[in-house]
Amino acid sequence: MNEKFEHSEIFDFLNRYFAGEASKADIDQIKSWLKKNKENQKIFDQYKSLWENLEKYRINQIVDVDKEWKIFKSEIDTKKADKKIIDFKPRKKVSLFAKVSRIAAIIILFIMLGGIGYYLVNQSGKEKYITKSETREVALPDQSKITLNRDSKIIVSKNFNQEKREVKLVGEAYFEVEPDEKPFIVKTSGIKIEVLGTSFLVNSNKSEDTIEIIVNSGKVAVTQISNRQNKVILQSGEKALFKKKVKELKKSKNADVNFLSWKTKKLIFKNDKLSKVVKTLNKIHQANIQIQDEKIKNCKLTASFVDQSLESILKVIENTLDIKVEKQGDKIILKGEGC
């Protein structure tokens, strides 16, 4: 399967395959394409899932493929410098089924180009950066940088860097703000964070009952949007915790040396209890590690890890604390006689 075929015709082959109209030659081409790399298999699985969903619902409206293609193409034009744009043009007179299949191809193509997430520009002119399974760095027009953690979203206002620099966050992100007279504002779940130039972390995951702001350098003002009197000023090494339900905002010293481990890939444990180590690993690696025996929860670990896999970290813990690590389905069980 040559490069030209792979980039311009693969979706036609997949459409025929999932519609049950593929010839033996088509199937052979798809098999060859799948063997090339794991990413192709991932695209195939995503496309399969999309087709299965299309079968579950009736589509009762005409799909203007030419219009959808123009919208899609304009949304990803900004990525041409970094990504190869795959240029295929839909035929104008095709069946509704074929139109839907082409729209499905556009969606999967979007996933291909996004890789770890995707980039959108909606009708209001706001820019959205969304991550899925990986982290991503976003460079803003003012030279500030945002590193998004997994499953997070940042929305950049249309008028960013005019009178102010404002973004909205869902999830977790680390901000490195370029000094400027214009205030840099982050809004998230009822909280406003305002700075001029600094670096800080914001964790506002929907699944959590709290929002956490940790300042790495500079000074940050954190304010409850609905109650401006509820405000704290944070400096380097301090953090704020906002309890969503009771609207309580408190600041304290930050004692978590691993608050940026998801970004730096560095983990440091200094005489930390195994229970705390496990909590950190579960968050950073999105794992499901459980301690089976109560007597090993207080075992202490002193170790540091740089860009190491979860498997290698657990191996070190197993040998250091003389415990057993067992995988049971999606769970990782730690057990032992004590320390």
C-alpha atoms as a PDB file:
ATOM      1  CA  MET A   1       0.000   0.000   0.000  1.00  0.00           C
ATOM      2  CA  ASN A   2       1.780   3.150  -1.211  1.00  0.00           C
ATOM      3  CA  GLU A   3       1.767   6.511   0.557  1.00  0.00           C
ATOM      4  CA  LYS A   4      -0.624   8.094  -1.936  1.00  0.00           C
ATOM      5  CA  PHE A   5      -3.163   5.322  -1.490  1.00  0.00           C
ATOM      6  CA  GLU A   6      -2.800   5.386   2.260  1.00  0.00           C
ATOM      7  CA  HIS A   7      -3.558   9.076   2.523  1.00  0.00           C
ATOM      8  CA  SER A   8      -6.260   9.526  -0.112  1.00  0.00           C
ATOM      9  CA  GLU A   9      -8.216   6.299  -0.426  1.00  0.00           C
ATOM     10  CA  ILE A  10      -8.079   4.333   2.820  1.00  0.00           C
ATOM     11  CA  PHE A  11     -11.432   5.672   4.008  1.00  0.00           C
ATOM     12  CA  ASP A  12     -13.116   4.533   0.769  1.00  0.00           C
ATOM     13  CA  PHE A  13     -11.742   1.045   1.422  1.00  0.00           C
ATOM     14  CA  LEU A  14     -12.956   1.154   5.035  1.00  0.00           C
ATOM     15  CA  ASN A  15     -16.390   2.394   3.946  1.00  0.00           C
ATOM     16  CA  ARG A  16     -16.776  -0.548   1.577  1.00  0.00           C
ATOM     17  CA  TYR A  17     -15.466  -2.931   4.217  1.00  0.00           C
ATOM     18  CA  PHE A  18     -17.931  -1.911   6.935  1.00  0.00           C
ATOM     19  CA  ALA A  19     -20.779  -1.690   4.415  1.00  0.00           C
ATOM     20  CA  GLY A  20     -20.115  -5.336   3.481  1.00  0.00           C
ATOM     21  CA  GLU A  21     -19.183  -4.383  -0.092  1.00  0.00           C
ATOM     22  CA  ALA A  22     -15.410  -4.914   0.040  1.00  0.00           C
ATOM     23  CA  SER A  23     -13.786  -7.238  -2.487  1.00  0.00           C
ATOM     24  CA  LYS A  24     -11.062  -9.719  -1.568  1.00  0.00           C
ATOM     25  CA  ALA A  25      -8.514  -7.254  -2.999  1.00  0.00           C
ATOM     26  CA  ASP A  26      -9.934  -4.491  -0.784  1.00  0.00           C
ATOM     27  CA  ILE A  27      -9.668  -6.694   2.298  1.00  0.00           C
ATOM     28  CA  ASP A  28      -6.070  -7.612   1.449  1.00  0.00           C
ATOM     29  CA  GLN A  29      -5.185  -3.920   1.124  1.00  0.00           C
ATOM     30  CA  ILE A  30      -6.749  -3.162   4.513  1.00  0.00           C
ATOM     31  CA  LYS A  31      -4.891  -6.074   6.156  1.00  0.00           C
ATOM     32  CA  SER A  32      -1.624  -4.797   4.715  1.00  0.00           C
ATOM     33  CA  TRP A  33      -2.370  -1.283   5.993  1.00  0.00           C
ATOM     34  CA  LEU A  34      -3.192  -2.602   9.488  1.00  0.00           C
ATOM     35  CA  LYS A  35       0.119  -4.463   9.716  1.00  0.00           C
ATOM     36  CA  LYS A  36       2.110  -1.277   9.106  1.00  0.00           C
ATOM     37  CA  ASN A  37       1.771   0.180  12.607  1.00  0.00           C
ATOM     38  CA  LYS A  38      -0.330   0.235  15.766  1.00  0.00           C
ATOM     39  CA  GLU A  39      -1.746   3.681  14.968  1.00  0.00           C
ATOM     40  CA  ASN A  40      -3.512   2.278  11.901  1.00  0.00           C
ATOM     41  CA  GLN A  41      -5.173  -0.372  14.072  1.00  0.00           C
ATOM     42  CA  LYS A  42      -6.334   2.347  16.444  1.00  0.00           C
ATOM     43  CA  ILE A  43      -7.872   4.315  13.552  1.00  0.00           C
ATOM     44  CA  PHE A  44      -9.562   1.142  12.292  1.00  0.00           C
ATOM     45  CA  ASP A  45     -11.075   0.448  15.737  1.00  0.00           C
ATOM     46  CA  GLN A  46     -12.302   4.033  16.088  1.00  0.00           C
ATOM     47  CA  TYR A  47     -13.866   3.920  12.636  1.00  0.00           C
ATOM     48  CA  LYS A  48     -15.519   0.586  13.450  1.00  0.00           C
ATOM     49  CA  SER A  49     -17.017   2.050  16.624  1.00  0.00           C
ATOM     50  CA  LEU A  50     -18.300   5.049  14.679  1.00  0.00           C
ATOM     51  CA  TRP A  51     -19.975   2.811  12.089  1.00  0.00           C
ATOM     52  CA  GLU A  52     -21.617   0.771  14.824  1.00  0.00           C
ATOM     53  CA  ASN A  53     -23.042   3.953  16.319  1.00  0.00           C
ATOM     54  CA  LEU A  54     -24.280   5.121  12.918  1.00  0.00           C
ATOM     55  CA  GLU A  55     -26.280   1.932  12.586  1.00  0.00           C
ATOM     56  CA  LYS A  56     -28.025   2.518  15.917  1.00  0.00           C
ATOM     57  CA  TYR A  57     -29.588   5.829  14.923  1.00  0.00           C
ATOM     58  CA  ARG A  58     -31.633   6.976  11.935  1.00  0.00           C
ATOM     59  CA  ILE A  59     -30.342  10.041  10.159  1.00  0.00           C
ATOM     60  CA  ASN A  60     -33.416  12.082   9.182  1.00  0.00           C
ATOM     61  CA  GLN A  61     -31.794  15.087   7.604  1.00  0.00           C
ATOM     62  CA  ILE A  62     -29.825  15.787   4.462  1.00  0.00           C
ATOM     63  CA  VAL A  63     -26.110  16.051   5.060  1.00  0.00           C
ATOM     64  CA  ASP A  64     -24.364  18.792   3.074  1.00  0.00           C
ATOM     65  CA  VAL A  65     -20.994  17.120   2.633  1.00  0.00           C
ATOM     66  CA  ASP A  66     -19.427  19.989   0.699  1.00  0.00           C
ATOM     67  CA  LYS A  67     -20.328  22.380   3.518  1.00  0.00           C
ATOM     68  CA  GLU A  68     -19.042  19.997   6.215  1.00  0.00           C
ATOM     69  CA  TRP A  69     -15.793  19.506   4.334  1.00  0.00           C
ATOM     70  CA  LYS A  70     -15.206  23.269   4.004  1.00  0.00           C
ATOM     71  CA  ILE A  71     -15.848  23.770   7.733  1.00  0.00           C
ATOM     72  CA  PHE A  72     -13.562  20.893   8.661  1.00  0.00           C
ATOM     73  CA  LYS A  73     -10.779  22.037   6.350  1.00  0.00           C
ATOM     74  CA  SER A  74     -10.897  25.624   7.664  1.00  0.00           C
ATOM     75  CA  GLU A  75     -10.687  24.380  11.259  1.00  0.00           C
ATOM     76  CA  ILE A  76      -7.435  22.531  10.677  1.00  0.00           C
ATOM     77  CA  ASP A  77      -5.751  24.994   8.287  1.00  0.00           C
ATOM     78  CA  THR A  78      -3.763  26.386  11.217  1.00  0.00           C
ATOM     79  CA  LYS A  79      -2.093  23.008  11.688  1.00  0.00           C
ATOM     80  CA  LYS A  80      -0.624  22.841   8.173  1.00  0.00           C
ATOM     81  CA  ALA A  81       2.787  23.903   9.407  1.00  0.00           C
ATOM     82  CA  ASP A  82       3.011  20.876  11.685  1.00  0.00           C
ATOM     83  CA  LYS A  83       0.715  18.302  10.096  1.00  0.00           C
ATOM     84  CA  LYS A  84       0.258  16.986   6.596  1.00  0.00           C
ATOM     85  CA  ILE A  85      -3.266  17.867   5.448  1.00  0.00           C
ATOM     86  CA  ILE A  86      -4.956  14.961   3.723  1.00  0.00           C
ATOM     87  CA  ASP A  87      -6.848  16.409   0.793  1.00  0.00           C
ATOM     88  CA  PHE A  88      -9.732  14.319  -0.483  1.00  0.00           C
ATOM     89  CA  LYS A  89     -12.826  15.872  -2.048  1.00  0.00           C
ATOM     90  CA  PRO A  90     -16.333  14.396  -1.671  1.00  0.00           C
ATOM     91  CA  ARG A  91     -18.386  13.687  -4.781  1.00  0.00           C
ATOM     92  CA  LYS A  92     -21.436  15.926  -5.068  1.00  0.00           C
ATOM     93  CA  LYS A  93     -24.126  13.436  -6.034  1.00  0.00           C
ATOM     94  CA  VAL A  94     -23.952  10.439  -3.790  1.00  0.00           C
ATOM     95  CA  SER A  95     -26.406   8.555  -1.613  1.00  0.00           C
ATOM     96  CA  LEU A  96     -27.185   9.634   1.938  1.00  0.00           C
ATOM     97  CA  PHE A  97     -25.384   6.506   3.161  1.00  0.00           C
ATOM     98  CA  ALA A  98     -22.258   7.470   1.232  1.00  0.00           C
ATOM     99  CA  LYS A  99     -22.490  11.028   2.558  1.00  0.00           C
ATOM    100  CA  VAL A 100     -22.691   9.808   6.110  1.00  0.00           C
ATOM    101  CA  SER A 101     -19.716   7.518   5.554  1.00  0.00           C
ATOM    102  CA  ARG A 102     -17.665  10.442   4.291  1.00  0.00           C
ATOM    103  CA  ILE A 103     -18.593  12.545   7.304  1.00  0.00           C
ATOM    104  CA  ALA A 104     -17.481   9.571   9.425  1.00  0.00           C
ATOM    105  CA  ALA A 105     -14.180   9.592   7.546  1.00  0.00           C
ATOM    106  CA  ILE A 106     -13.743  13.281   8.343  1.00  0.00           C
ATOM    107  CA  ILE A 107     -14.278  12.590  12.039  1.00  0.00           C
ATOM    108  CA  ILE A 108     -11.703   9.796  12.065  1.00  0.00           C
ATOM    109  CA  LEU A 109      -9.298  11.926  10.052  1.00  0.00           C
ATOM    110  CA  PHE A 110      -9.686  14.610  12.721  1.00  0.00           C
ATOM    111  CA  ILE A 111      -8.687  12.010  15.314  1.00  0.00           C
ATOM    112  CA  MET A 112      -5.640  11.080  13.192  1.00  0.00           C
ATOM    113  CA  LEU A 113      -4.457  14.666  12.936  1.00  0.00           C
ATOM    114  CA  GLY A 114      -5.125  15.414  16.576  1.00  0.00           C
ATOM    115  CA  GLY A 115      -3.257  12.390  17.853  1.00  0.00           C
ATOM    116  CA  ILE A 116      -3.268  13.105  21.563  1.00  0.00           C
ATOM    117  CA  GLY A 117      -6.268  15.405  21.298  1.00  0.00           C
ATOM    118  CA  TYR A 118      -7.588  18.004  18.903  1.00  0.00           C
ATOM    119  CA  TYR A 119      -7.931  21.694  18.121  1.00  0.00           C
ATOM    120  CA  LEU A 120     -11.147  23.508  17.238  1.00  0.00           C
ATOM    121  CA  VAL A 121     -12.240  26.993  16.278  1.00  0.00           C
ATOM    122  CA  ASN A 122     -15.958  27.471  16.855  1.00  0.00           C
ATOM    123  CA  GLN A 123     -18.267  30.027  15.204  1.00  0.00           C
ATOM    124  CA  SER A 124     -17.701  32.617  17.929  1.00  0.00           C
ATOM    125  CA  GLY A 125     -13.974  32.601  17.175  1.00  0.00           C
ATOM    126  CA  LYS A 126     -12.955  30.951  20.432  1.00  0.00           C
ATOM    127  CA  GLU A 127     -10.138  28.436  20.234  1.00  0.00           C
ATOM    128  CA  LYS A 128     -10.389  25.102  22.048  1.00  0.00           C
ATOM    129  CA  TYR A 129      -7.541  22.724  22.810  1.00  0.00           C
ATOM    130  CA  ILE A 130      -8.624  19.310  24.059  1.00  0.00           C
ATOM    131  CA  THR A 131      -6.516  16.396  25.286  1.00  0.00           C
ATOM    132  CA  LYS A 132      -7.574  12.780  25.619  1.00  0.00           C
ATOM    133  CA  SER A 133      -5.011  10.172  26.656  1.00  0.00           C
ATOM    134  CA  GLU A 134      -1.834  12.269  26.602  1.00  0.00           C
ATOM    135  CA  THR A 135      -0.534  15.657  27.743  1.00  0.00           C
ATOM    136  CA  ARG A 136      -0.111  18.560  25.344  1.00  0.00           C
ATOM    137  CA  GLU A 137       1.675  21.925  25.299  1.00  0.00           C
ATOM    138  CA  VAL A 138      -0.159  24.949  23.909  1.00  0.00           C
ATOM    139  CA  ALA A 139       1.641  28.146  22.887  1.00  0.00           C
ATOM    140  CA  LEU A 140      -0.494  31.274  23.198  1.00  0.00           C
ATOM    141  CA  PRO A 141      -0.171  34.461  21.079  1.00  0.00           C
ATOM    142  CA  ASP A 142       1.467  36.336  23.990  1.00  0.00           C
ATOM    143  CA  GLN A 143       4.207  33.657  24.217  1.00  0.00           C
ATOM    144  CA  SER A 144       2.702  32.171  27.382  1.00  0.00           C
ATOM    145  CA  LYS A 145       2.623  28.375  27.556  1.00  0.00           C
ATOM    146  CA  ILE A 146      -0.024  25.997  28.868  1.00  0.00           C
ATOM    147  CA  THR A 147       0.616  22.306  29.434  1.00  0.00           C
ATOM    148  CA  LEU A 148      -2.640  20.365  29.515  1.00  0.00           C
ATOM    149  CA  ASN A 149      -2.853  17.118  31.468  1.00  0.00           C
ATOM    150  CA  ARG A 150      -4.886  14.185  30.161  1.00  0.00           C
ATOM    151  CA  ASP A 151      -8.653  14.627  29.628  1.00  0.00           C
ATOM    152  CA  SER A 152      -8.507  18.406  29.868  1.00  0.00           C
ATOM    153  CA  LYS A 153      -9.715  21.360  27.834  1.00  0.00           C
ATOM    154  CA  ILE A 154      -8.612  24.974  27.480  1.00  0.00           C
ATOM    155  CA  ILE A 155     -10.730  27.637  25.737  1.00  0.00           C
ATOM    156  CA  VAL A 156      -8.981  30.806  24.540  1.00  0.00           C
ATOM    157  CA  SER A 157     -11.214  33.868  24.227  1.00  0.00           C
ATOM    158  CA  LYS A 158     -11.690  35.547  20.857  1.00  0.00           C
ATOM    159  CA  ASN A 159     -10.265  38.844  22.165  1.00  0.00           C
ATOM    160  CA  PHE A 160      -7.279  37.254  23.904  1.00  0.00           C
ATOM    161  CA  ASN A 161      -4.349  39.682  24.335  1.00  0.00           C
ATOM    162  CA  GLN A 162      -6.344  42.831  23.537  1.00  0.00           C
ATOM    163  CA  GLU A 163      -7.326  44.356  26.880  1.00  0.00           C
ATOM    164  CA  LYS A 164      -6.754  41.170  28.856  1.00  0.00           C
ATOM    165  CA  ARG A 165      -5.597  37.596  28.390  1.00  0.00           C
ATOM    166  CA  GLU A 166      -8.427  35.266  29.363  1.00  0.00           C
ATOM    167  CA  VAL A 167      -8.814  31.488  29.105  1.00  0.00           C
ATOM    168  CA  LYS A 168     -11.219  28.924  30.536  1.00  0.00           C
ATOM    169  CA  LEU A 169     -10.057  25.573  31.902  1.00  0.00           C
ATOM    170  CA  VAL A 170     -11.736  22.223  32.411  1.00  0.00           C
ATOM    171  CA  GLY A 171      -9.403  19.639  33.954  1.00  0.00           C
ATOM    172  CA  GLU A 172      -5.764  20.168  34.920  1.00  0.00           C
ATOM    173  CA  ALA A 173      -3.096  22.415  33.423  1.00  0.00           C
ATOM    174  CA  TYR A 174       0.208  24.095  34.231  1.00  0.00           C
ATOM    175  CA  PHE A 175       0.566  27.735  33.185  1.00  0.00           C
ATOM    176  CA  GLU A 176       3.794  29.584  32.373  1.00  0.00           C
ATOM    177  CA  VAL A 177       2.609  33.170  31.915  1.00  0.00           C
ATOM    178  CA  GLU A 178       4.711  35.684  30.016  1.00  0.00           C
ATOM    179  CA  PRO A 179       5.031  38.981  31.973  1.00  0.00           C
ATOM    180  CA  ASP A 180       2.777  41.702  30.560  1.00  0.00           C
ATOM    181  CA  GLU A 181       0.768  44.698  31.760  1.00  0.00           C
ATOM    182  CA  LYS A 182      -2.395  42.976  30.560  1.00  0.00           C
ATOM    183  CA  PRO A 183      -3.744  40.636  33.260  1.00  0.00           C
ATOM    184  CA  PHE A 184      -3.771  36.915  32.532  1.00  0.00           C
ATOM    185  CA  ILE A 185      -7.042  35.374  33.760  1.00  0.00           C
ATOM    186  CA  VAL A 186      -8.005  31.730  34.154  1.00  0.00           C
ATOM    187  CA  LYS A 187     -11.667  30.933  34.838  1.00  0.00           C
ATOM    188  CA  THR A 188     -12.742  27.510  36.054  1.00  0.00           C
ATOM    189  CA  SER A 189     -15.791  26.183  37.935  1.00  0.00           C
ATOM    190  CA  GLY A 190     -16.686  29.419  39.720  1.00  0.00           C
ATOM    191  CA  ILE A 191     -13.102  30.491  40.404  1.00  0.00           C
ATOM    192  CA  LYS A 192     -11.040  33.255  38.768  1.00  0.00           C
ATOM    193  CA  ILE A 193      -7.229  33.192  38.875  1.00  0.00           C
ATOM    194  CA  GLU A 194      -5.501  36.451  37.898  1.00  0.00           C
ATOM    195  CA  VAL A 195      -1.786  37.087  37.339  1.00  0.00           C
ATOM    196  CA  LEU A 196       0.601  39.319  35.421  1.00  0.00           C
ATOM    197  CA  GLY A 197       3.525  36.928  34.964  1.00  0.00           C
ATOM    198  CA  THR A 198       4.083  33.670  36.833  1.00  0.00           C
ATOM    199  CA  SER A 199       3.889  29.883  36.674  1.00  0.00           C
ATOM    200  CA  PHE A 200       1.225  27.883  38.452  1.00  0.00           C
ATOM    201  CA  LEU A 201      -0.901  24.739  38.365  1.00  0.00           C
ATOM    202  CA  VAL A 202      -4.696  24.556  38.313  1.00  0.00           C
ATOM    203  CA  ASN A 203      -6.531  21.292  38.920  1.00  0.00           C
ATOM    204  CA  SER A 204     -10.282  21.618  38.357  1.00  0.00           C
ATOM    205  CA  ASN A 205     -11.284  18.099  37.357  1.00  0.00           C
ATOM    206  CA  LYS A 206     -15.059  17.682  37.379  1.00  0.00           C
ATOM    207  CA  SER A 207     -14.787  14.441  39.337  1.00  0.00           C
ATOM    208  CA  GLU A 208     -13.136  16.237  42.263  1.00  0.00           C
ATOM    209  CA  ASP A 209     -14.977  18.140  45.028  1.00  0.00           C
ATOM    210  CA  THR A 210     -12.222  20.752  45.146  1.00  0.00           C
ATOM    211  CA  ILE A 211     -10.232  23.046  42.869  1.00  0.00           C
ATOM    212  CA  GLU A 212      -6.510  23.255  43.597  1.00  0.00           C
ATOM    213  CA  ILE A 213      -4.171  26.089  42.600  1.00  0.00           C
ATOM    214  CA  ILE A 214      -0.427  25.739  43.291  1.00  0.00           C
ATOM    215  CA  VAL A 215       2.015  28.582  42.575  1.00  0.00           C
ATOM    216  CA  ASN A 216       5.474  27.657  41.360  1.00  0.00           C
ATOM    217  CA  SER A 217       6.770  31.203  40.848  1.00  0.00           C
ATOM    218  CA  GLY A 218       5.432  34.750  41.072  1.00  0.00           C
ATOM    219  CA  LYS A 219       2.151  35.855  42.638  1.00  0.00           C
ATOM    220  CA  VAL A 220      -1.454  34.803  41.925  1.00  0.00           C
ATOM    221  CA  ALA A 221      -4.842  36.192  43.016  1.00  0.00           C
ATOM    222  CA  VAL A 222      -7.612  33.596  43.384  1.00  0.00           C
ATOM    223  CA  THR A 223     -11.200  34.877  43.631  1.00  0.00           C
ATOM    224  CA  GLN A 224     -14.617  33.260  43.821  1.00  0.00           C
ATOM    225  CA  ILE A 225     -16.505  34.684  40.823  1.00  0.00           C
ATOM    226  CA  SER A 226     -19.884  34.943  42.595  1.00  0.00           C
ATOM    227  CA  ASN A 227     -18.343  36.445  45.758  1.00  0.00           C
ATOM    228  CA  ARG A 228     -15.405  38.781  45.165  1.00  0.00           C
ATOM    229  CA  GLN A 229     -14.808  39.137  48.884  1.00  0.00           C
ATOM    230  CA  ASN A 230     -13.763  35.489  48.943  1.00  0.00           C
ATOM    231  CA  LYS A 231     -10.209  36.020  47.730  1.00  0.00           C
ATOM    232  CA  VAL A 232      -6.665  34.874  48.546  1.00  0.00           C
ATOM    233  CA  ILE A 233      -3.237  35.979  47.294  1.00  0.00           C
ATOM    234  CA  LEU A 234      -0.742  33.186  46.674  1.00  0.00           C
ATOM    235  CA  GLN A 235       3.022  33.374  46.358  1.00  0.00           C
ATOM    236  CA  SER A 236       5.622  30.820  45.287  1.00  0.00           C
ATOM    237  CA  GLY A 237       5.312  27.600  47.307  1.00  0.00           C
ATOM    238  CA  GLU A 238       1.716  28.277  48.375  1.00  0.00           C
ATOM    239  CA  LYS A 239      -1.544  26.718  47.290  1.00  0.00           C
ATOM    240  CA  ALA A 240      -5.276  27.425  47.468  1.00  0.00           C
ATOM    241  CA  LEU A 241      -8.048  24.886  47.858  1.00  0.00           C
ATOM    242  CA  PHE A 242     -11.602  25.790  46.892  1.00  0.00           C
ATOM    243  CA  LYS A 243     -14.379  23.472  48.121  1.00  0.00           C
ATOM    244  CA  LYS A 244     -17.056  23.609  45.449  1.00  0.00           C
ATOM    245  CA  LYS A 245     -20.072  22.649  47.569  1.00  0.00           C
ATOM    246  CA  VAL A 246     -19.517  24.945  50.549  1.00  0.00           C
ATOM    247  CA  LYS A 247     -17.728  27.688  48.550  1.00  0.00           C
ATOM    248  CA  GLU A 248     -14.791  27.673  50.975  1.00  0.00           C
ATOM    249  CA  LEU A 249     -11.452  29.067  49.809  1.00  0.00           C
ATOM    250  CA  LYS A 250      -8.306  28.509  51.883  1.00  0.00           C
ATOM    251  CA  LYS A 251      -4.599  28.902  51.297  1.00  0.00           C
ATOM    252  CA  SER A 252      -1.717  26.911  52.770  1.00  0.00           C
ATOM    253  CA  LYS A 253       1.855  25.834  52.098  1.00  0.00           C
ATOM    254  CA  ASN A 254       2.286  23.320  49.296  1.00  0.00           C
ATOM    255  CA  ALA A 255       3.866  20.133  50.645  1.00  0.00           C
ATOM    256  CA  ASP A 256       3.428  18.030  47.499  1.00  0.00           C
ATOM    257  CA  VAL A 257       6.763  17.829  45.667  1.00  0.00           C
ATOM    258  CA  ASN A 258       5.142  15.707  42.960  1.00  0.00           C
ATOM    259  CA  PHE A 259       2.377  18.121  41.956  1.00  0.00           C
ATOM    260  CA  LEU A 260       3.942  18.512  38.488  1.00  0.00           C
ATOM    261  CA  SER A 261       5.085  14.921  37.965  1.00  0.00           C
ATOM    262  CA  TRP A 262       2.580  14.357  35.150  1.00  0.00           C
ATOM    263  CA  LYS A 263       4.447  17.104  33.236  1.00  0.00           C
ATOM    264  CA  THR A 264       8.068  16.651  34.347  1.00  0.00           C
ATOM    265  CA  LYS A 265       7.974  12.807  34.464  1.00  0.00           C
ATOM    266  CA  LYS A 266       9.884  13.014  37.760  1.00  0.00           C
ATOM    267  CA  LEU A 267       8.742  11.415  41.011  1.00  0.00           C
ATOM    268  CA  ILE A 268      10.358  11.988  44.409  1.00  0.00           C
ATOM    269  CA  PHE A 269       9.455  10.100  47.583  1.00  0.00           C
ATOM    270  CA  LYS A 270      11.169  10.983  50.879  1.00  0.00           C
ATOM    271  CA  ASN A 271      10.265   8.615  53.677  1.00  0.00           C
ATOM    272  CA  ASP A 272       6.676   8.562  52.388  1.00  0.00           C
ATOM    273  CA  LYS A 273       4.100   5.994  53.479  1.00  0.00           C
ATOM    274  CA  LEU A 274       3.186   3.363  50.892  1.00  0.00           C
ATOM    275  CA  SER A 275      -0.439   4.550  51.022  1.00  0.00           C
ATOM    276  CA  LYS A 276       0.670   8.026  49.892  1.00  0.00           C
ATOM    277  CA  VAL A 277       2.957   6.577  47.208  1.00  0.00           C
ATOM    278  CA  VAL A 278       0.079   4.524  45.804  1.00  0.00           C
ATOM    279  CA  LYS A 279      -2.231   7.549  45.739  1.00  0.00           C
ATOM    280  CA  THR A 280       0.386   9.506  43.774  1.00  0.00           C
ATOM    281  CA  LEU A 281       1.013   6.676  41.298  1.00  0.00           C
ATOM    282  CA  ASN A 282      -2.702   6.160  40.704  1.00  0.00           C
ATOM    283  CA  LYS A 283      -3.099   9.820  39.806  1.00  0.00           C
ATOM    284  CA  ILE A 284       0.011  10.227  37.654  1.00  0.00           C
ATOM    285  CA  HIS A 285      -0.325   6.929  35.773  1.00  0.00           C
ATOM    286  CA  GLN A 286      -4.150   6.668  35.861  1.00  0.00           C
ATOM    287  CA  ALA A 287      -3.711   3.271  37.474  1.00  0.00           C
ATOM    288  CA  ASN A 288      -5.815   1.195  39.852  1.00  0.00           C
ATOM    289  CA  ILE A 289      -3.288   0.123  42.506  1.00  0.00           C
ATOM    290  CA  GLN A 290      -4.746  -1.266  45.720  1.00  0.00           C
ATOM    291  CA  ILE A 291      -3.086  -2.277  48.993  1.00  0.00           C
ATOM    292  CA  GLN A 292      -4.474  -5.594  50.160  1.00  0.00           C
ATOM    293  CA  ASP A 293      -2.797  -5.887  53.564  1.00  0.00           C
ATOM    294  CA  GLU A 294      -3.268  -3.076  56.083  1.00  0.00           C
ATOM    295  CA  LYS A 295       0.093  -3.814  57.735  1.00  0.00           C
ATOM    296  CA  ILE A 296       2.082  -2.603  54.702  1.00  0.00           C
ATOM    297  CA  LYS A 297       0.242   0.728  54.275  1.00  0.00           C
ATOM    298  CA  ASN A 298       2.667   2.501  56.622  1.00  0.00           C
ATOM    299  CA  CYS A 299       5.845   1.063  55.079  1.00  0.00           C
ATOM    300  CA  LYS A 300       8.131   3.997  54.190  1.00  0.00           C
ATOM    301  CA  LEU A 301       9.720   4.564  50.788  1.00  0.00           C
ATOM    302  CA  THR A 302      12.603   6.853  49.834  1.00  0.00           C
ATOM    303  CA  ALA A 303      13.306   6.823  46.106  1.00  0.00           C
ATOM    304  CA  SER A 304      13.282   8.991  43.003  1.00  0.00           C
ATOM    305  CA  PHE A 305      12.243   8.128  39.454  1.00  0.00           C
ATOM    306  CA  VAL A 306      12.853   9.961  36.181  1.00  0.00           C
ATOM    307  CA  ASP A 307      10.773   9.088  33.124  1.00  0.00           C
ATOM    308  CA  GLN A 308      10.219   5.499  34.263  1.00  0.00           C
ATOM    309  CA  SER A 309       7.268   3.257  33.474  1.00  0.00           C
ATOM    310  CA  LEU A 310       4.795   2.220  36.139  1.00  0.00           C
ATOM    311  CA  GLU A 311       6.009  -1.335  35.800  1.00  0.00           C
ATOM    312  CA  SER A 312       9.624  -0.408  36.573  1.00  0.00           C
ATOM    313  CA  ILE A 313       8.554   1.792  39.514  1.00  0.00           C
ATOM    314  CA  LEU A 314       6.511  -1.037  41.014  1.00  0.00           C
ATOM    315  CA  LYS A 315       9.468  -3.389  40.574  1.00  0.00           C
ATOM    316  CA  VAL A 316      11.648  -1.051  42.648  1.00  0.00           C
ATOM    317  CA  ILE A 317       8.940  -0.773  45.334  1.00  0.00           C
ATOM    318  CA  GLU A 318       8.519  -4.548  45.385  1.00  0.00           C
ATOM    319  CA  ASN A 319      12.230  -5.162  45.921  1.00  0.00           C
ATOM    320  CA  THR A 320      12.775  -2.250  48.322  1.00  0.00           C
ATOM    321  CA  LEU A 321       9.856  -2.968  50.656  1.00  0.00           C
ATOM    322  CA  ASP A 322       9.870  -6.747  50.178  1.00  0.00           C
ATOM    323  CA  ILE A 323       6.236  -6.896  49.102  1.00  0.00           C
ATOM    324  CA  LYS A 324       4.407  -8.738  46.324  1.00  0.00           C
ATOM    325  CA  VAL A 325       2.899  -7.010  43.275  1.00  0.00           C
ATOM    326  CA  GLU A 326       0.185  -8.927  41.441  1.00  0.00           C
ATOM    327  CA  LYS A 327      -1.941  -7.899  38.469  1.00  0.00           C
ATOM    328  CA  GLN A 328      -5.585  -8.969  38.656  1.00  0.00           C
ATOM    329  CA  GLY A 329      -7.489  -7.756  35.603  1.00  0.00           C
ATOM    330  CA  ASP A 330      -7.330  -3.959  35.595  1.00  0.00           C
ATOM    331  CA  LYS A 331      -6.202  -3.911  39.229  1.00  0.00           C
ATOM    332  CA  ILE A 332      -2.675  -4.014  40.664  1.00  0.00           C
ATOM    333  CA  ILE A 333      -2.624  -5.587  44.124  1.00  0.00           C
ATOM    334  CA  LEU A 334       0.109  -4.953  46.689  1.00  0.00           C
ATOM    335  CA  LYS A 335       0.443  -7.403  49.557  1.00  0.00           C
ATOM    336  CA  GLY A 336       3.010  -8.456  52.112  1.00  0.00           C
ATOM    337  CA  GLU A 337       3.796  -9.389  55.692  1.00  0.00           C
ATOM    338  CA  GLY A 338       4.745  -5.920  56.862  1.00  0.00           C
ATOM    339  CA  CYS A 339       7.952  -3.948  57.154  1.00  0.00           C
END
